[in-house]
Protein backbone atom coordinates (compact mmCIF):
# COMPACT_ATOMS: atom_id res chain seq x y z
CA MET A 1 0.00 -0.25 0.00
CA ARG A 2 1.16 3.53 -0.96
CA ILE A 3 1.63 5.20 2.25
CA GLY A 4 2.69 9.19 3.11
CA ILE A 5 4.00 10.56 6.23
CA ILE A 6 4.53 14.36 6.76
CA GLY A 7 6.82 13.98 9.98
CA ALA A 8 9.24 11.34 10.79
CA GLY A 9 9.68 12.47 14.24
CA ALA A 10 9.24 10.26 17.08
CA VAL A 11 5.99 9.02 16.55
CA GLY A 12 5.60 9.40 12.71
CA GLY A 13 8.92 7.44 12.43
CA ALA A 14 7.99 4.74 14.21
CA ILE A 15 4.47 4.39 12.39
CA ALA A 16 6.62 4.61 9.11
CA GLY A 17 9.21 1.90 10.38
CA LEU A 18 6.44 -0.40 10.99
CA LEU A 19 4.21 0.18 7.68
CA ALA A 20 7.89 -0.18 5.83
CA ARG A 21 8.90 -3.35 7.53
CA ALA A 22 5.89 -5.22 6.73
CA GLY A 23 6.00 -4.32 3.01
CA ASN A 24 3.80 -1.20 2.42
CA ASP A 25 5.69 1.39 0.12
CA VAL A 26 6.19 3.98 2.18
CA GLU A 27 7.79 7.86 1.95
CA VAL A 28 8.41 10.37 4.63
CA THR A 29 8.69 13.80 4.78
CA ALA A 30 11.79 15.25 7.09
CA ARG A 31 14.55 18.06 7.04
CA GLY A 32 18.29 17.99 7.53
CA ALA A 33 20.02 15.59 8.80
CA HIS A 34 17.50 13.26 9.74
CA LEU A 35 16.37 13.69 6.05
CA HIS A 36 20.01 13.24 5.00
CA THR A 37 20.38 10.13 7.01
CA ILE A 38 17.41 8.03 6.10
CA ARG A 39 17.97 8.64 2.35
CA GLU A 40 21.85 7.28 2.72
CA SER A 41 21.02 4.59 4.91
CA GLY A 42 17.55 4.04 6.05
CA LEU A 43 14.97 4.60 8.92
CA THR A 44 16.09 2.88 11.67
CA LEU A 45 13.76 1.74 14.35
CA THR A 46 14.50 -0.37 17.83
CA GLY A 47 12.77 -0.68 20.72
CA ALA A 48 9.48 -2.43 22.23
CA TRP A 49 8.40 -3.50 19.07
CA GLY A 50 11.57 -4.99 17.65
CA ASP A 51 14.86 -3.53 15.85
CA SER A 52 15.04 -3.11 12.12
CA VAL A 53 16.01 -0.80 9.54
CA SER A 54 13.84 0.23 6.57
CA ARG A 55 14.44 1.88 3.04
CA VAL A 56 11.67 4.51 2.46
CA ARG A 57 11.33 7.38 -0.03
CA ALA A 58 12.02 10.69 1.53
CA ALA A 59 12.20 14.13 1.27
CA ALA A 60 11.07 17.79 2.15
CA THR A 61 7.48 17.38 0.75
CA LEU A 62 5.77 14.24 -0.41
CA SER A 63 6.38 13.95 -4.10
CA ARG A 64 3.42 11.65 -5.17
CA VAL A 65 -0.64 10.58 -4.65
CA ASN A 66 -0.69 8.07 -1.73
CA GLU A 67 -3.61 5.57 -0.68
CA LEU A 68 -3.41 7.28 3.00
CA VAL A 69 -1.56 10.07 4.43
CA ILE A 70 -0.17 10.25 8.16
CA VAL A 71 0.70 13.65 9.83
CA ALA A 72 2.95 13.19 12.98
CA THR A 73 4.47 16.66 12.88
CA LYS A 74 4.16 18.95 16.38
CA ALA A 75 0.59 20.53 16.56
CA HIS A 76 1.77 24.05 15.64
CA ASP A 77 3.21 22.77 12.57
CA ALA A 78 0.35 20.89 11.27
CA GLU A 79 -1.93 23.09 9.10
CA GLN A 80 1.52 24.62 7.52
CA ALA A 81 2.88 21.03 6.56
CA LEU A 82 -0.44 20.00 5.45
CA ARG A 83 -0.67 23.38 3.07
CA ASP A 84 3.14 22.42 1.83
CA ASN A 85 1.65 19.04 0.84
CA ILE A 86 -1.62 19.80 -0.12
CA ARG A 87 -1.46 18.87 -4.06
CA PHE A 88 -0.71 15.12 -2.91
CA VAL A 89 -3.28 15.47 0.00
CA ARG A 90 -6.41 16.61 -1.22
CA ASP A 91 -9.26 14.05 -1.53
CA VAL A 92 -7.43 11.62 0.10
CA PRO A 93 -7.69 10.24 3.67
CA VAL A 94 -5.53 11.78 6.05
CA VAL A 95 -4.94 10.59 9.88
CA ILE A 96 -3.46 13.44 12.21
CA PHE A 97 -1.64 12.08 15.01
CA GLN A 98 -1.45 14.73 17.77
CA ASN A 99 -1.95 15.80 21.00
CA GLY A 100 -4.29 18.56 21.94
CA LEU A 101 -7.75 19.51 21.26
CA ASP A 102 -7.94 21.22 18.12
CA SER A 103 -6.24 18.84 15.74
CA LEU A 104 -9.45 17.91 13.29
CA GLU A 105 -10.50 21.60 12.84
CA THR A 106 -6.96 22.91 12.16
CA ALA A 107 -6.73 19.60 9.45
CA ALA A 108 -10.18 20.65 8.37
CA HIS A 109 -9.57 24.10 7.47
CA ALA A 110 -6.07 23.51 5.75
CA SER A 111 -7.12 20.25 3.66
CA PRO A 112 -11.11 20.45 3.21
CA ARG A 113 -11.25 18.40 0.81
CA SER A 114 -9.65 15.47 2.58
CA ASP A 115 -11.54 12.98 4.79
CA ILE A 116 -9.90 13.94 8.16
CA ILE A 117 -9.15 11.53 11.13
CA GLY A 118 -7.79 12.19 14.68
CA GLY A 119 -4.87 9.76 15.80
CA LEU A 120 -3.82 9.66 19.53
CA ALA A 121 -0.46 7.60 20.05
CA THR A 122 -0.21 5.82 23.13
CA PHE A 123 3.13 4.45 22.68
CA ALA A 124 6.38 6.41 23.93
CA SER A 125 9.06 6.88 21.35
CA SER A 126 12.02 9.34 21.40
CA PHE A 127 14.09 10.90 18.44
CA LEU A 128 17.73 9.36 19.29
CA SER A 129 19.26 10.44 16.52
CA PRO A 130 19.21 11.56 13.08
CA GLY A 131 17.41 8.47 11.25
CA THR A 132 16.81 6.41 14.68
CA ILE A 133 13.51 6.32 16.23
CA HIS A 134 13.34 4.36 19.70
CA VAL A 135 10.53 2.66 20.84
CA THR A 136 10.33 2.95 24.72
CA ALA A 137 7.02 1.46 25.50
CA ALA A 138 4.38 -0.18 23.22
CA GLY A 139 0.64 1.16 23.63
CA PRO A 140 -2.31 1.56 21.24
CA SER A 141 -3.12 4.22 19.06
CA TYR A 142 -6.95 5.47 18.59
CA LEU A 143 -8.32 6.84 15.46
CA GLY A 144 -11.78 8.81 15.13
CA VAL A 145 -13.60 11.62 13.26
CA ALA A 146 -15.48 14.72 14.63
CA GLY A 147 -18.76 13.83 13.08
CA ASP A 148 -21.17 10.89 12.48
CA ASN A 149 -19.60 8.89 9.16
CA ASP A 150 -16.67 6.55 11.27
CA VAL A 151 -16.17 4.93 7.54
CA PRO A 152 -12.81 6.39 7.36
CA ALA A 153 -11.62 5.95 10.88
CA ARG A 154 -12.31 2.27 10.67
CA TYR A 155 -10.70 2.14 6.99
CA ALA A 156 -7.72 3.98 9.00
CA ALA A 157 -7.68 1.56 11.89
CA ASP A 158 -7.89 -1.94 9.53
CA VAL A 159 -4.40 -0.24 7.38
CA LEU A 160 -2.76 0.32 10.87
CA ASN A 161 -3.56 -2.61 12.58
CA ALA A 162 -1.97 -5.10 11.03
CA VAL A 163 1.34 -3.18 11.97
CA MET A 164 0.43 -1.67 15.48
CA PRO A 165 -2.37 -1.85 17.87
CA THR A 166 -5.12 0.53 16.33
CA PHE A 167 -8.79 1.16 17.13
CA ALA A 168 -11.46 2.96 16.01
CA VAL A 169 -13.51 5.21 18.53
CA PRO A 170 -16.94 6.61 18.47
CA ASN A 171 -16.35 9.13 20.99
CA PHE A 172 -13.01 10.71 19.93
CA ARG A 173 -13.41 14.01 21.85
CA GLY A 174 -13.35 12.09 24.94
CA ALA A 175 -10.44 10.42 23.84
CA GLN A 176 -8.78 13.44 23.24
CA TRP A 177 -9.38 14.96 26.72
CA THR A 178 -8.32 11.46 28.10
CA LYS A 179 -4.94 12.13 26.40
CA LEU A 180 -4.92 15.46 27.65
CA VAL A 181 -4.58 13.76 30.96
CA ILE A 182 -2.09 11.63 30.03
CA ASN A 183 -0.06 13.92 28.35
CA GLN A 184 0.14 16.41 31.50
CA VAL A 185 3.32 13.76 32.27
CA ASN A 186 5.24 16.07 29.84
CA ALA A 187 5.51 19.49 31.20
CA LEU A 188 7.60 18.87 34.40
CA PRO A 189 10.18 17.02 32.43
CA ALA A 190 10.60 19.94 30.35
CA ILE A 191 10.54 22.24 33.13
CA THR A 192 13.26 20.13 35.36
CA GLY A 193 15.23 18.15 32.93
CA LEU A 194 14.52 15.11 34.40
CA SER A 195 12.57 11.83 32.86
CA VAL A 196 9.22 11.23 33.39
CA GLN A 197 9.77 8.37 35.52
CA GLN A 198 12.10 10.68 37.83
CA VAL A 199 9.50 13.29 37.96
CA ILE A 200 7.08 10.74 39.09
CA ALA A 201 9.51 9.27 41.45
CA ASP A 202 9.99 12.56 43.31
CA ALA A 203 7.04 12.96 46.01
CA ARG A 204 6.88 16.66 45.57
CA LEU A 205 7.03 16.46 41.87
CA ARG A 206 4.52 13.71 41.52
CA ARG A 207 1.83 15.63 43.67
CA ILE A 208 2.63 18.74 41.07
CA MET A 209 1.49 16.34 38.19
CA THR A 210 -1.28 15.17 40.12
CA ALA A 211 -2.28 18.54 40.56
CA SER A 212 -2.24 19.07 36.85
CA MET A 213 -4.20 15.89 36.19
CA ARG A 214 -7.10 16.49 38.51
CA GLU A 215 -7.30 20.09 37.11
CA THR A 216 -7.24 18.83 33.67
CA ALA A 217 -9.96 16.51 34.51
CA LYS A 218 -12.06 18.81 36.50
CA ILE A 219 -12.26 21.46 33.41
CA ALA A 220 -13.23 18.40 31.19
CA LEU A 221 -16.09 17.67 33.27
CA ALA A 222 -17.28 21.36 33.50
CA GLN A 223 -17.45 21.27 29.56
CA GLY A 224 -19.70 17.73 29.50
CA ILE A 225 -16.89 15.89 28.24
CA ARG A 226 -17.04 12.09 28.61
CA PHE A 227 -14.03 10.49 28.76
CA GLU A 228 -13.36 7.34 26.60
CA THR A 229 -10.70 4.69 28.21
CA LEU A 230 -7.05 4.98 27.21
CA GLN A 231 -4.49 3.16 28.99
CA GLY A 232 -6.96 1.97 31.73
CA LEU A 233 -8.23 5.46 32.66
CA SER A 234 -12.00 5.24 32.07
CA HIS A 235 -14.61 8.03 32.74
CA ARG A 236 -15.34 7.04 36.22
CA ARG A 237 -11.90 6.80 37.33
CA LEU A 238 -11.20 10.60 35.94
CA ARG A 239 -14.40 11.45 37.52
CA LYS A 240 -13.03 10.12 40.91
CA LEU A 241 -9.91 11.86 40.10
CA ALA A 242 -11.45 15.20 39.53
CA SER A 243 -12.42 14.92 43.36
CA SER A 244 -9.75 13.14 44.92
CA PRO A 245 -7.44 14.30 47.40
CA LEU A 246 -3.77 14.62 45.78
CA TRP A 247 -2.69 11.80 47.86
CA LEU A 248 -5.05 9.48 46.36
CA GLY A 249 -4.71 11.01 42.68
CA GLN A 250 -1.29 9.89 42.89
CA LEU A 251 -1.92 6.39 41.78
CA ILE A 252 -2.24 7.46 38.49
CA PRO A 253 1.08 8.89 37.55
CA ARG A 254 2.65 6.02 39.75
CA ALA A 255 0.84 3.32 37.59
CA MET A 256 2.01 5.07 34.51
CA SER A 257 5.24 4.86 35.16
CA ARG A 258 5.16 1.46 36.06
CA ARG A 259 3.57 1.26 32.37
CA MET A 260 6.89 3.14 30.40
CA GLY A 261 9.10 0.78 32.01
CA ARG A 262 13.06 1.27 32.96
CA THR A 263 13.95 3.02 29.94
CA PRO A 264 14.02 6.79 30.77
CA ASN A 265 11.43 8.51 29.04
CA PRO A 266 12.19 12.17 28.27
CA GLY A 267 8.30 13.01 27.19
CA SER A 268 7.52 14.73 23.84
CA THR A 269 8.20 18.53 25.15
CA LEU A 270 11.47 17.75 26.49
CA GLN A 271 12.51 16.33 23.56
CA SER A 272 11.44 19.28 21.67
CA ILE A 273 13.96 21.42 24.11
CA ARG A 274 16.82 19.52 23.70
CA ARG A 275 16.57 19.91 19.95
CA GLY A 276 16.14 23.43 20.12
CA GLN A 277 12.79 23.29 18.76
CA PRO A 278 9.67 25.06 19.66
CA SER A 279 7.16 22.42 22.25
CA GLU A 280 3.95 21.54 22.33
CA VAL A 281 2.97 22.96 25.89
CA ASP A 282 0.13 25.75 24.38
CA ALA A 283 -1.93 22.63 22.61
CA LEU A 284 -1.16 20.56 25.50
CA ASN A 285 -1.30 22.56 28.88
CA GLY A 286 -2.58 25.79 27.13
CA ALA A 287 -5.52 23.35 26.26
CA VAL A 288 -6.49 23.12 29.48
CA VAL A 289 -5.99 26.79 30.18
CA ARG A 290 -8.26 27.99 27.11
CA ALA A 291 -11.13 25.54 28.05
CA ALA A 292 -10.97 26.84 31.41
CA GLN A 293 -11.41 30.21 30.84
CA GLU A 294 -14.35 29.17 28.15
CA SER A 295 -15.93 27.79 30.97
CA GLY A 296 -15.40 30.53 33.50
CA ARG A 297 -12.87 29.12 35.33
CA GLU A 298 -9.41 28.87 36.11
CA ALA A 299 -6.26 26.51 35.64
CA PRO A 300 -3.72 27.86 37.50
CA VAL A 301 -1.46 24.38 37.71
CA ASN A 302 -1.75 24.42 33.77
CA ALA A 303 -1.11 28.09 33.38
CA LEU A 304 2.10 27.82 35.68
CA MET A 305 3.30 24.79 33.54
CA VAL A 306 2.71 26.80 30.07
CA GLU A 307 5.04 29.89 31.95
CA LEU A 308 7.87 27.87 33.26
CA VAL A 309 8.08 25.77 29.90
CA HIS A 310 8.35 29.26 28.08
CA ASP A 311 11.03 30.34 30.63
CA VAL A 312 13.01 27.19 29.98
CA GLU A 313 12.80 27.28 26.35
CA ALA A 314 13.45 31.11 26.29
CA THR A 315 16.60 30.81 28.70
CA GLY A 316 17.85 26.82 28.06
CA ASN A 317 18.05 27.02 31.99
CA PHE A 318 15.90 23.96 33.93
CA LEU A 319 14.64 24.21 37.40
CA SER A 320 15.99 22.46 40.24
CA ILE A 321 13.82 20.16 41.90
CA ASP A 322 13.51 22.53 45.07
CA ASP A 323 12.75 25.44 42.99
CA ALA A 324 9.89 24.07 41.01
CA VAL A 325 8.29 22.95 43.91
CA ALA A 326 8.54 26.56 45.48
CA ARG A 327 6.99 27.82 42.05
CA PHE A 328 4.01 25.76 42.23
CA ALA A 329 3.19 25.74 45.80
CA ALA A 330 0.50 28.46 45.40
CA ALA A 331 -1.15 26.83 42.70
CA THR A 332 -1.41 23.35 44.37
CA GLN A 333 -2.24 24.30 47.37
CA GLN A 334 -5.68 22.11 48.15
């Protein structure tokens, strides 16, 4: 099958490697040293789904019409990426693998003639070096659409499920909010320079992370969201988190850390900072802040996370654990 993947980073590169080694005719878009290495040596995939090197077509933009296109850029790059590739995207089913809440609307605006399918990945992967993607923890992916016609989502899920666990879900908005709770693991590593597992292992940082998860769950419920079950986080469990004391809610990040295993997981936001690229914090924690404002509420923990991640992006200086705890003390006093 001819499949195009726009953005062969941690998520897109992992998907490309899996599809290519299964015999699909895959082309990817990449830039700089990553593009050069893929062209010269192939795309290397290591980790939880096995090791392989796949030869794929690679260029700065797509070069042909494909049967399916997957967009796996950062949220803030998605619209421009679609416009740059619009010649080979229109009228083709497009899966947008992105965090946050706006992926479907952004993609539909950029490519209105395409069937737009939302994608959420729960596997953890890292961009180790140009041409090499390492999957640190396996996990399923979930696809869905904004309307009632789920045929495109089921079609794309069948294609991807042949190489990695993938499911079509009817309540994609609820799935996005559940993933937003899960993505609360990203900001504190970006603020401190620590791995997700190190953050969760520290009792004080774990409390802050739990507070951001609880705040996210509260805002979602205020908007009438019914959570979709991802990684064992059901609507019932997240509704309970929203009203639980922090000492009890910490069971959730602890469980997430165990699922990640021992290989240090830097999280996507820290990976972006280490590469000198803009992070997705505005699409993650920032989405919670905007949703809170729409509901006439506040999200002080997420708002401070946005502020501190941008500080690290601007200065290159991580906060010590003591400094991070001090900055969040007022926001988490509940």
